Structure formats: structure tokens, C-alpha cells
Protein backbone atom coordinates (compact mmCIF):
# COMPACT_ATOMS: atom_id res chain seq x y z
CA UNK A 1 -14.72 7.99 -11.47
CA UNK A 2 -12.55 6.46 -8.96
CA UNK A 3 -8.86 6.33 -9.58
CA UNK A 4 -5.86 4.99 -7.45
CA UNK A 5 -2.54 5.61 -8.83
CA UNK A 6 0.53 3.67 -7.30
CA UNK A 7 3.84 4.62 -8.02
CA UNK A 8 7.36 3.98 -5.95
CA UNK A 9 8.02 0.16 -6.76
CA UNK A 10 11.05 -1.07 -8.37
CA UNK A 11 14.05 -3.27 -7.69
CA UNK A 12 15.73 -3.24 -4.56
CA UNK A 13 18.37 -5.32 -2.59
CA UNK A 14 17.68 -7.22 0.48
CA UNK A 15 17.85 -4.89 3.13
CA UNK A 16 16.95 -1.89 1.30
CA UNK A 17 14.26 0.58 1.30
CA UNK A 18 11.27 1.72 -0.87
CA UNK A 19 8.52 4.21 -0.57
CA UNK A 20 5.20 3.30 -2.36
CA UNK A 21 2.67 6.18 -2.93
CA UNK A 22 -1.07 6.03 -3.97
CA UNK A 23 -2.59 9.23 -5.36
CA UNK A 24 -6.57 8.72 -4.99
CA UNK A 25 -9.34 10.97 -7.19
CA UNK A 26 -12.89 10.62 -7.47
CA UNK A 27 -13.33 9.89 -3.81
CA UNK A 28 -13.53 11.70 -0.33
CA UNK A 29 -10.11 10.53 0.79
CA UNK A 30 -10.27 11.57 4.13
CA UNK A 31 -13.59 9.08 4.72
CA UNK A 32 -11.94 6.36 3.19
CA UNK A 33 -10.10 3.59 4.96
CA UNK A 34 -6.77 3.05 2.69
CA UNK A 35 -4.88 0.03 2.89
CA UNK A 36 -1.89 -1.71 0.92
CA UNK A 37 -2.17 -5.32 -0.31
CA UNK A 38 0.44 -7.67 -2.05
CA UNK A 39 -0.09 -10.65 -4.05
CA UNK A 40 3.08 -13.03 -4.79
CA UNK A 41 2.96 -15.55 -7.62
CA UNK A 42 0.76 -18.50 -6.80
CA UNK A 43 -0.25 -16.80 -3.56
CA UNK A 44 -3.61 -14.94 -2.53
CA UNK A 45 -3.85 -11.31 -2.17
CA UNK A 46 -2.99 -10.56 1.36
CA UNK A 47 -3.33 -7.15 3.31
CA UNK A 48 -0.03 -5.34 4.43
CA UNK A 49 -1.02 -2.46 6.28
CA UNK A 50 -4.14 -0.46 6.62
CA UNK A 51 -4.95 3.13 8.14
CA UNK A 52 -8.19 4.22 9.08
CA UNK A 53 -9.78 7.76 8.19
CA UNK A 54 -8.80 8.70 11.89
CA UNK A 55 -5.28 7.61 11.53
CA UNK A 56 -5.55 4.17 13.47
CA UNK A 57 -3.10 1.45 11.58
CA UNK A 58 -2.74 -2.09 11.47
CA UNK A 59 -0.09 -4.44 9.99
CA UNK A 60 0.56 -7.94 8.86
CA UNK A 61 2.74 -9.61 11.54
CA UNK A 62 5.47 -10.27 8.57
CA UNK A 63 5.91 -6.51 7.93
CA UNK A 64 5.39 -5.09 11.57
CA UNK A 65 8.70 -3.02 12.42
CA UNK A 66 9.73 -2.80 9.09
CA UNK A 67 6.79 -1.02 6.85
CA UNK A 68 4.94 2.01 8.00
CA UNK A 69 1.85 3.29 6.37
CA UNK A 70 0.75 6.98 6.63
CA UNK A 71 -1.80 9.21 4.66
CA UNK A 72 -1.83 12.88 3.89
CA UNK A 73 -5.35 13.61 3.30
CA UNK A 74 -4.59 17.30 2.03
CA UNK A 75 -2.90 15.54 -0.88
CA UNK A 76 -5.28 12.74 -0.94
CA UNK A 77 -2.36 10.24 -0.99
CA UNK A 78 -1.60 7.19 1.08
CA UNK A 79 2.06 5.97 1.38
CA UNK A 80 4.09 2.72 2.45
CA UNK A 81 7.42 2.99 3.69
CA UNK A 82 9.15 -0.12 3.45
CA UNK A 83 12.41 -0.86 5.14
CA UNK A 84 14.65 -3.75 5.62
CA UNK A 85 13.34 -5.46 2.58
CA UNK A 86 13.45 -9.05 2.02
CA UNK A 87 12.92 -11.34 -0.78
CA UNK A 88 9.64 -12.55 0.47
CA UNK A 89 8.29 -9.19 0.39
CA UNK A 90 8.63 -9.57 -3.56
CA UNK A 91 4.99 -8.97 -4.78
CA UNK A 92 2.57 -6.76 -6.99
CA UNK A 93 1.28 -4.23 -4.30
CA UNK A 94 -2.02 -3.03 -4.53
CA UNK A 95 -3.55 0.19 -3.21
CA UNK A 96 -7.01 -0.29 -1.68
CA UNK A 97 -9.66 2.65 -0.78
CA UNK A 98 -12.71 1.53 1.21
CA UNK A 99 -15.65 3.81 2.50
CA UNK A 100 -19.10 3.69 2.83
CA UNK A 101 -19.95 6.21 0.11
CA UNK A 102 -17.41 4.89 -2.84
CA UNK A 103 -17.23 1.16 -1.94
CA UNK A 104 -14.13 -0.83 -2.46
CA UNK A 105 -11.67 0.23 -5.13
CA UNK A 106 -8.56 -0.87 -6.27
CA UNK A 107 -5.42 0.36 -7.93
CA UNK A 108 -3.73 -1.17 -11.18
CA UNK A 109 -0.61 -2.42 -8.61
CA UNK A 110 3.20 -1.79 -8.65
CA UNK A 111 5.95 -4.58 -8.42
CA UNK A 112 7.93 -4.58 -5.77
CA UNK A 113 11.16 -6.99 -6.51
CA UNK A 114 13.60 -7.48 -3.73
CA UNK A 115 16.81 -9.39 -5.15
CA UNK A 116 20.51 -9.19 -5.18
């Protein structure tokens, strides 16, 4: 059974930082493209950042230069370092794993709120 467990969300002031983690089990982690998505109230879920099995990354324009995605294949974990957070970054953040063998899988989400 595939499980993706996110952690690290919370309340932070504008300009602050948070690091999200997503621990995966039930998949061959190293073969999966891992991604972070977010969904704000009333909006569609959108890609924030993704990292391929080989380490290639891509980011939404709105987070380039502020967010960094990384992965630790030994720990089956993907991270999202978020710096210079803005109120518009407020959303539920979801971890995604996508692989040929395991298909498309989602975590339960973690709330990030940026507010003074």
C-alpha cells in the first residue's frame, strides 16, 4: 500500500521560512517523479515544484528563487524548502509521487498559512 505522509506545515509570518517533508512508503521511491502541489481556497490545485528520479527540477514561476525541492532516496523523502513566504503562498500543500510501476499517488496534504 502506497503512503505519502507530509509534515512541516504551519503558520508563518510573511518573509518567513518553512520546510515541508514527505515520507513515502510502498513505492520504489528512486524511480518516482516527486512533486509538491498546492490548492488555495476556491482555486485549482497547481504544481509548485517537481523533481525527477534523476534530479532534474522544475518550478512554478511564482516560486522560482524562493522555493527549493530536493530528495533523499536513502530516506524515501522529498523536501520543499520555502523561503521569503508571501500571503499568496497560503494553501494546502500536497505531495505527489508518479511512477510507471506505482502510478499516481497523493498525500493527505498539510496546511501552510502565511499571515501576520
